[in-house]
């Protein structure tokens, strides 16, 4: 996972002396992990809904070959759910 960084420039102009401090802050591991888990869950739910729709269409059209192909190609959904 790519490391995300936020940069801040703090400046102080006290009596004509210009000083600046560069500060960098990394996003915490927990925030990155939570974002990745949410994205994985959303993608999984969308893929499963798409699979369910394809299976339903195959059953409604009584296309046995398409149903068998979809069932075999997406067998991991029946195990996962």
C-alpha atoms as a PDB file:
ATOM      1  CA  UNK A   1       0.000   0.000   0.000  1.00  0.00           C
ATOM      2  CA  UNK A   2       1.332   3.409  -0.939  1.00  0.00           C
ATOM      3  CA  UNK A   3       2.323   5.596   1.992  1.00  0.00           C
ATOM      4  CA  UNK A   4       0.159   8.702   2.294  1.00  0.00           C
ATOM      5  CA  UNK A   5       1.724  11.836   3.762  1.00  0.00           C
ATOM      6  CA  UNK A   6       0.408  15.211   4.754  1.00  0.00           C
ATOM      7  CA  UNK A   7       2.754  18.163   4.833  1.00  0.00           C
ATOM      8  CA  UNK A   8       2.407  21.334   6.868  1.00  0.00           C
ATOM      9  CA  UNK A   9       4.456  24.509   6.697  1.00  0.00           C
ATOM     10  CA  UNK A  10       4.463  26.478   9.909  1.00  0.00           C
ATOM     11  CA  UNK A  11       5.873  29.960   9.658  1.00  0.00           C
ATOM     12  CA  UNK A  12       6.696  32.579  12.237  1.00  0.00           C
ATOM     13  CA  UNK A  13       7.426  36.162  11.262  1.00  0.00           C
ATOM     14  CA  UNK A  14       8.380  37.525  14.644  1.00  0.00           C
ATOM     15  CA  UNK A  15      10.136  40.915  14.424  1.00  0.00           C
ATOM     16  CA  UNK A  16      11.233  40.438  10.835  1.00  0.00           C
ATOM     17  CA  UNK A  17      12.891  37.057  11.360  1.00  0.00           C
ATOM     18  CA  UNK A  18      11.232  34.655   8.993  1.00  0.00           C
ATOM     19  CA  UNK A  19      11.505  31.094  10.163  1.00  0.00           C
ATOM     20  CA  UNK A  20       9.540  28.191   8.863  1.00  0.00           C
ATOM     21  CA  UNK A  21       9.218  24.632  10.029  1.00  0.00           C
ATOM     22  CA  UNK A  22       8.256  21.756   7.753  1.00  0.00           C
ATOM     23  CA  UNK A  23       6.202  19.122   9.526  1.00  0.00           C
ATOM     24  CA  UNK A  24       5.034  15.867   7.977  1.00  0.00           C
ATOM     25  CA  UNK A  25       2.415  13.540   9.351  1.00  0.00           C
ATOM     26  CA  UNK A  26       1.705  10.025   8.132  1.00  0.00           C
ATOM     27  CA  UNK A  27      -1.811   8.668   8.119  1.00  0.00           C
ATOM     28  CA  UNK A  28      -2.196   6.150  10.896  1.00  0.00           C
ATOM     29  CA  UNK A  29      -2.146   2.453  10.133  1.00  0.00           C
ATOM     30  CA  UNK A  30      -5.633   2.005  11.566  1.00  0.00           C
ATOM     31  CA  UNK A  31      -7.161   4.574   9.210  1.00  0.00           C
ATOM     32  CA  UNK A  32      -5.483   3.023   6.159  1.00  0.00           C
ATOM     33  CA  UNK A  33      -6.518  -0.491   7.208  1.00  0.00           C
ATOM     34  CA  UNK A  34     -10.117   0.562   7.862  1.00  0.00           C
ATOM     35  CA  UNK A  35     -10.344   2.286   4.475  1.00  0.00           C
ATOM     36  CA  UNK A  36      -8.973  -0.802   2.708  1.00  0.00           C
ATOM     37  CA  UNK A  37     -11.390  -3.117   4.548  1.00  0.00           C
ATOM     38  CA  UNK A  38     -14.383  -0.920   3.686  1.00  0.00           C
ATOM     39  CA  UNK A  39     -13.377  -0.787   0.020  1.00  0.00           C
ATOM     40  CA  UNK A  40     -12.905  -4.573  -0.079  1.00  0.00           C
ATOM     41  CA  UNK A  41     -16.331  -5.123   1.488  1.00  0.00           C
ATOM     42  CA  UNK A  42     -18.063  -2.753  -0.952  1.00  0.00           C
ATOM     43  CA  UNK A  43     -16.397  -4.363  -3.972  1.00  0.00           C
ATOM     44  CA  UNK A  44     -17.267  -7.834  -2.717  1.00  0.00           C
ATOM     45  CA  UNK A  45     -20.921  -6.898  -2.196  1.00  0.00           C
ATOM     46  CA  UNK A  46     -21.158  -5.350  -5.664  1.00  0.00           C
ATOM     47  CA  UNK A  47     -19.553  -8.378  -7.332  1.00  0.00           C
ATOM     48  CA  UNK A  48     -21.904 -10.733  -5.495  1.00  0.00           C
ATOM     49  CA  UNK A  49     -24.960  -8.669  -6.493  1.00  0.00           C
ATOM     50  CA  UNK A  50     -23.780  -8.727 -10.114  1.00  0.00           C
ATOM     51  CA  UNK A  51     -23.309 -12.507  -9.906  1.00  0.00           C
ATOM     52  CA  UNK A  52     -26.787 -12.953  -8.406  1.00  0.00           C
ATOM     53  CA  UNK A  53     -28.322 -10.894 -11.222  1.00  0.00           C
ATOM     54  CA  UNK A  54     -26.537 -12.946 -13.887  1.00  0.00           C
ATOM     55  CA  UNK A  55     -27.664 -16.210 -12.271  1.00  0.00           C
ATOM     56  CA  UNK A  56     -31.262 -14.944 -12.036  1.00  0.00           C
ATOM     57  CA  UNK A  57     -31.242 -13.956 -15.732  1.00  0.00           C
ATOM     58  CA  UNK A  58     -29.851 -17.369 -16.696  1.00  0.00           C
ATOM     59  CA  UNK A  59     -32.559 -19.106 -14.675  1.00  0.00           C
ATOM     60  CA  UNK A  60     -35.354 -16.939 -16.096  1.00  0.00           C
ATOM     61  CA  UNK A  61     -34.214 -17.593 -19.660  1.00  0.00           C
ATOM     62  CA  UNK A  62     -33.769 -21.307 -18.808  1.00  0.00           C
ATOM     63  CA  UNK A  63     -30.239 -21.279 -20.230  1.00  0.00           C
ATOM     64  CA  UNK A  64     -28.680 -24.293 -18.539  1.00  0.00           C
ATOM     65  CA  UNK A  65     -25.266 -23.934 -20.183  1.00  0.00           C
ATOM     66  CA  UNK A  66     -24.900 -20.296 -19.064  1.00  0.00           C
ATOM     67  CA  UNK A  67     -26.061 -21.226 -15.558  1.00  0.00           C
ATOM     68  CA  UNK A  68     -23.464 -24.006 -15.288  1.00  0.00           C
ATOM     69  CA  UNK A  69     -20.709 -21.755 -16.632  1.00  0.00           C
ATOM     70  CA  UNK A  70     -21.569 -18.927 -14.199  1.00  0.00           C
ATOM     71  CA  UNK A  71     -21.823 -21.365 -11.302  1.00  0.00           C
ATOM     72  CA  UNK A  72     -18.449 -22.879 -12.048  1.00  0.00           C
ATOM     73  CA  UNK A  73     -16.686 -19.556 -12.739  1.00  0.00           C
ATOM     74  CA  UNK A  74     -18.004 -17.946  -9.547  1.00  0.00           C
ATOM     75  CA  UNK A  75     -17.899 -20.923  -7.208  1.00  0.00           C
ATOM     76  CA  UNK A  76     -16.057 -18.915  -4.541  1.00  0.00           C
ATOM     77  CA  UNK A  77     -19.228 -16.876  -3.870  1.00  0.00           C
ATOM     78  CA  UNK A  78     -21.145 -19.977  -2.822  1.00  0.00           C
ATOM     79  CA  UNK A  79     -18.322 -20.894  -0.431  1.00  0.00           C
ATOM     80  CA  UNK A  80     -17.850 -17.358   0.896  1.00  0.00           C
ATOM     81  CA  UNK A  81     -21.523 -16.600   1.459  1.00  0.00           C
END
